[in-house]
N, C-alpha and C. Protein backbone atom coordinates (compact mmCIF):
# COMPACT_ATOMS: atom_id res chain seq x y z
N MET A 1 1.22 -0.84 -0.07
CA MET A 1 -0.36 0.00 0.03
C MET A 1 0.96 1.29 -0.02
N ASP A 2 0.25 2.51 -0.43
CA ASP A 2 1.27 3.76 -0.60
C ASP A 2 0.66 4.64 0.52
N ILE A 3 2.04 4.93 0.92
CA ILE A 3 1.96 6.31 1.80
C ILE A 3 2.66 7.45 1.32
N LEU A 4 2.32 8.63 2.00
CA LEU A 4 3.40 9.73 2.12
C LEU A 4 4.22 9.50 3.23
N PHE A 5 5.66 9.69 3.44
CA PHE A 5 6.50 9.69 4.79
C PHE A 5 7.32 10.60 4.21
N ASN A 6 7.25 11.85 4.87
CA ASN A 6 8.20 12.83 4.94
C ASN A 6 8.01 13.44 3.71
N GLY A 7 6.81 13.73 2.94
CA GLY A 7 6.89 14.27 1.82
C GLY A 7 7.30 13.41 0.60
N GLN A 8 7.82 11.88 1.09
CA GLN A 8 8.20 11.09 -0.22
C GLN A 8 6.83 9.97 -0.58
N GLN A 9 6.68 9.62 -1.44
CA GLN A 9 5.58 8.32 -1.46
C GLN A 9 6.48 7.47 -1.41
N ARG A 10 5.95 6.33 -0.43
CA ARG A 10 6.75 5.08 -0.12
C ARG A 10 5.63 4.09 -0.34
N THR A 11 6.17 2.80 -0.30
CA THR A 11 5.09 1.68 -0.30
C THR A 11 5.62 0.57 0.84
N ILE A 12 4.41 0.42 1.50
CA ILE A 12 4.97 -0.37 2.56
C ILE A 12 3.72 -1.70 2.44
N VAL A 13 4.04 -2.53 3.63
CA VAL A 13 3.15 -3.89 3.54
C VAL A 13 2.07 -3.45 4.31
N SER A 14 1.01 -3.88 4.03
CA SER A 14 -0.92 -3.74 4.46
C SER A 14 -0.31 -4.40 6.01
N GLY A 15 -0.72 -3.29 6.89
CA GLY A 15 -0.94 -3.73 8.33
C GLY A 15 0.58 -3.50 9.31
N THR A 16 1.19 -2.75 8.53
CA THR A 16 2.76 -2.25 9.06
C THR A 16 1.97 -1.15 10.37
N THR A 17 2.63 -1.83 11.22
CA THR A 17 2.87 -0.62 12.44
C THR A 17 3.80 0.64 12.24
N ILE A 18 3.72 1.51 13.22
CA ILE A 18 4.82 2.87 13.09
C ILE A 18 5.84 1.91 13.64
N ALA A 19 5.89 1.32 14.80
CA ALA A 19 7.16 0.66 15.31
C ALA A 19 8.12 -0.14 14.27
N GLU A 20 6.94 -0.68 13.62
CA GLU A 20 7.68 -1.71 12.52
C GLU A 20 8.18 -0.97 11.40
N LEU A 21 7.74 0.06 10.87
CA LEU A 21 8.04 0.92 10.09
C LEU A 21 9.52 1.45 10.71
N LEU A 22 9.55 1.91 11.74
CA LEU A 22 10.95 2.70 12.31
C LEU A 22 11.84 1.42 11.97
N VAL A 23 11.56 0.38 12.79
CA VAL A 23 12.65 -0.69 12.74
C VAL A 23 13.53 -1.02 11.12
N GLU A 24 12.14 -0.91 10.30
CA GLU A 24 12.48 -1.07 8.93
C GLU A 24 13.39 0.00 8.25
N LEU A 25 13.03 1.30 8.74
CA LEU A 25 14.00 2.59 8.39
C LEU A 25 15.07 2.60 9.38
N GLU A 26 15.51 1.92 10.28
CA GLU A 26 16.75 1.93 10.70
C GLU A 26 16.62 3.33 11.91
N LEU A 27 15.20 3.81 12.35
CA LEU A 27 15.13 4.98 12.96
C LEU A 27 15.07 4.72 14.61
N ASP A 28 15.66 5.64 15.31
CA ASP A 28 15.34 5.27 16.89
C ASP A 28 14.31 6.12 17.30
N PRO A 29 13.35 5.25 17.68
CA PRO A 29 11.89 5.89 18.27
C PRO A 29 12.38 6.56 19.57
N LYS A 30 13.37 6.61 20.17
CA LYS A 30 13.33 7.52 21.54
C LYS A 30 13.93 8.95 20.88
N ARG A 31 14.48 8.93 19.85
CA ARG A 31 15.03 10.39 19.16
C ARG A 31 14.12 10.98 18.07
N LEU A 32 12.73 10.98 18.28
CA LEU A 32 11.90 11.01 17.21
C LEU A 32 10.60 11.39 17.57
N ALA A 33 9.65 11.93 17.23
CA ALA A 33 8.38 12.22 17.37
C ALA A 33 7.36 11.80 15.87
N VAL A 34 6.50 11.13 16.04
CA VAL A 34 5.80 10.78 14.75
C VAL A 34 4.43 11.25 14.46
N GLU A 35 3.90 12.44 13.16
CA GLU A 35 2.41 12.62 12.95
C GLU A 35 2.05 11.66 12.03
N VAL A 36 0.77 11.39 12.28
CA VAL A 36 -0.07 10.60 11.17
C VAL A 36 -0.95 11.24 11.16
N ASN A 37 -1.34 11.91 9.31
CA ASN A 37 -2.58 12.74 9.36
C ASN A 37 -2.86 13.83 9.77
N ARG A 38 -1.32 14.47 10.66
CA ARG A 38 -1.39 15.79 11.38
C ARG A 38 -1.72 15.84 12.67
N GLU A 39 -1.84 14.43 13.17
CA GLU A 39 -1.92 13.92 14.69
C GLU A 39 -0.75 13.29 15.46
N LEU A 40 -0.23 13.97 16.45
CA LEU A 40 1.10 13.10 17.02
C LEU A 40 0.74 11.87 17.84
N VAL A 41 1.38 11.00 17.26
CA VAL A 41 0.99 9.57 17.73
C VAL A 41 1.71 9.20 19.29
N PRO A 42 1.78 9.47 20.27
CA PRO A 42 2.28 8.86 21.44
C PRO A 42 3.16 7.58 21.18
N ARG A 43 4.63 7.89 21.44
CA ARG A 43 5.63 6.80 21.79
C ARG A 43 5.18 5.22 21.61
N GLY A 44 3.86 5.50 22.92
CA GLY A 44 3.59 4.07 23.50
C GLY A 44 2.55 3.62 22.38
N GLN A 45 2.19 4.16 22.14
CA GLN A 45 1.21 3.67 20.85
C GLN A 45 1.87 3.19 19.26
N HIS A 46 3.04 3.43 19.37
CA HIS A 46 3.69 3.33 17.80
C HIS A 46 3.34 1.51 17.75
N VAL A 47 3.13 0.63 18.77
CA VAL A 47 3.53 -0.74 18.50
C VAL A 47 2.04 -1.24 17.81
N ALA A 48 0.89 -0.52 18.53
CA ALA A 48 -0.38 -0.67 18.14
C ALA A 48 -1.06 -0.12 16.82
N HIS A 49 -0.59 1.21 16.66
CA HIS A 49 -1.10 2.16 15.49
C HIS A 49 -0.60 1.55 14.04
N ARG A 50 -1.30 0.70 13.62
CA ARG A 50 -1.28 0.37 12.24
C ARG A 50 -1.56 1.55 10.69
N ILE A 51 -0.59 1.70 10.31
CA ILE A 51 -0.56 2.53 9.09
C ILE A 51 -1.51 2.14 7.95
N GLU A 52 -2.29 3.22 7.33
CA GLU A 52 -3.26 2.71 6.74
C GLU A 52 -3.04 3.22 5.31
N ALA A 53 -3.35 2.94 4.10
CA ALA A 53 -2.89 3.20 3.04
C ALA A 53 -3.47 4.67 2.68
N GLY A 54 -2.73 5.49 2.14
CA GLY A 54 -3.27 6.88 2.16
C GLY A 54 -2.68 8.03 3.01
N ASP A 55 -2.08 6.95 4.42
CA ASP A 55 -2.21 7.91 5.78
C ASP A 55 -0.52 8.77 5.12
N VAL A 56 -0.56 9.98 5.99
CA VAL A 56 0.67 11.05 5.66
C VAL A 56 1.35 11.03 7.14
N LEU A 57 2.47 10.17 6.91
CA LEU A 57 3.40 10.28 8.40
C LEU A 57 4.55 11.29 7.90
N GLU A 58 4.71 11.90 9.24
CA GLU A 58 5.66 13.19 9.21
C GLU A 58 6.68 12.62 10.41
N VAL A 59 7.83 12.47 10.31
CA VAL A 59 8.78 12.02 11.53
C VAL A 59 9.78 13.11 11.56
N VAL A 60 10.19 13.59 12.74
CA VAL A 60 10.92 14.59 13.38
C VAL A 60 11.74 13.98 14.23
N THR A 61 13.01 13.94 13.90
CA THR A 61 13.93 13.81 15.19
C THR A 61 14.24 15.04 15.75
N PHE A 62 14.90 14.48 17.16
CA PHE A 62 15.12 15.76 18.07
C PHE A 62 16.30 15.83 18.09
N VAL A 63 17.28 17.18 18.48
CA VAL A 63 18.31 17.40 18.04
C VAL A 63 18.63 18.45 19.70
N GLY A 64 19.76 18.16 20.06
CA GLY A 64 19.84 18.74 21.44
C GLY A 64 20.94 19.71 21.55
N GLY A 65 21.09 20.64 21.95
CA GLY A 65 22.25 21.76 22.04
C GLY A 65 21.80 22.60 22.93
N GLY A 66 22.77 23.47 22.77
CA GLY A 66 22.45 24.92 23.58
C GLY A 66 23.26 26.03 23.10
């Protein structure tokens, strides 16, 4: 199925969760925030949240500094 991930079209397997997608992309969930269709999905829900066809995901990484 097709989704929009950070502005780029991506094809993923139907039923994929946010957590599974982050593992596939080798992204550390502790250092990022995930929005699906402009709504923040809390980290604790990544394992259960299944991505649907046509969803728009934005993943933002946290950067520390001072």
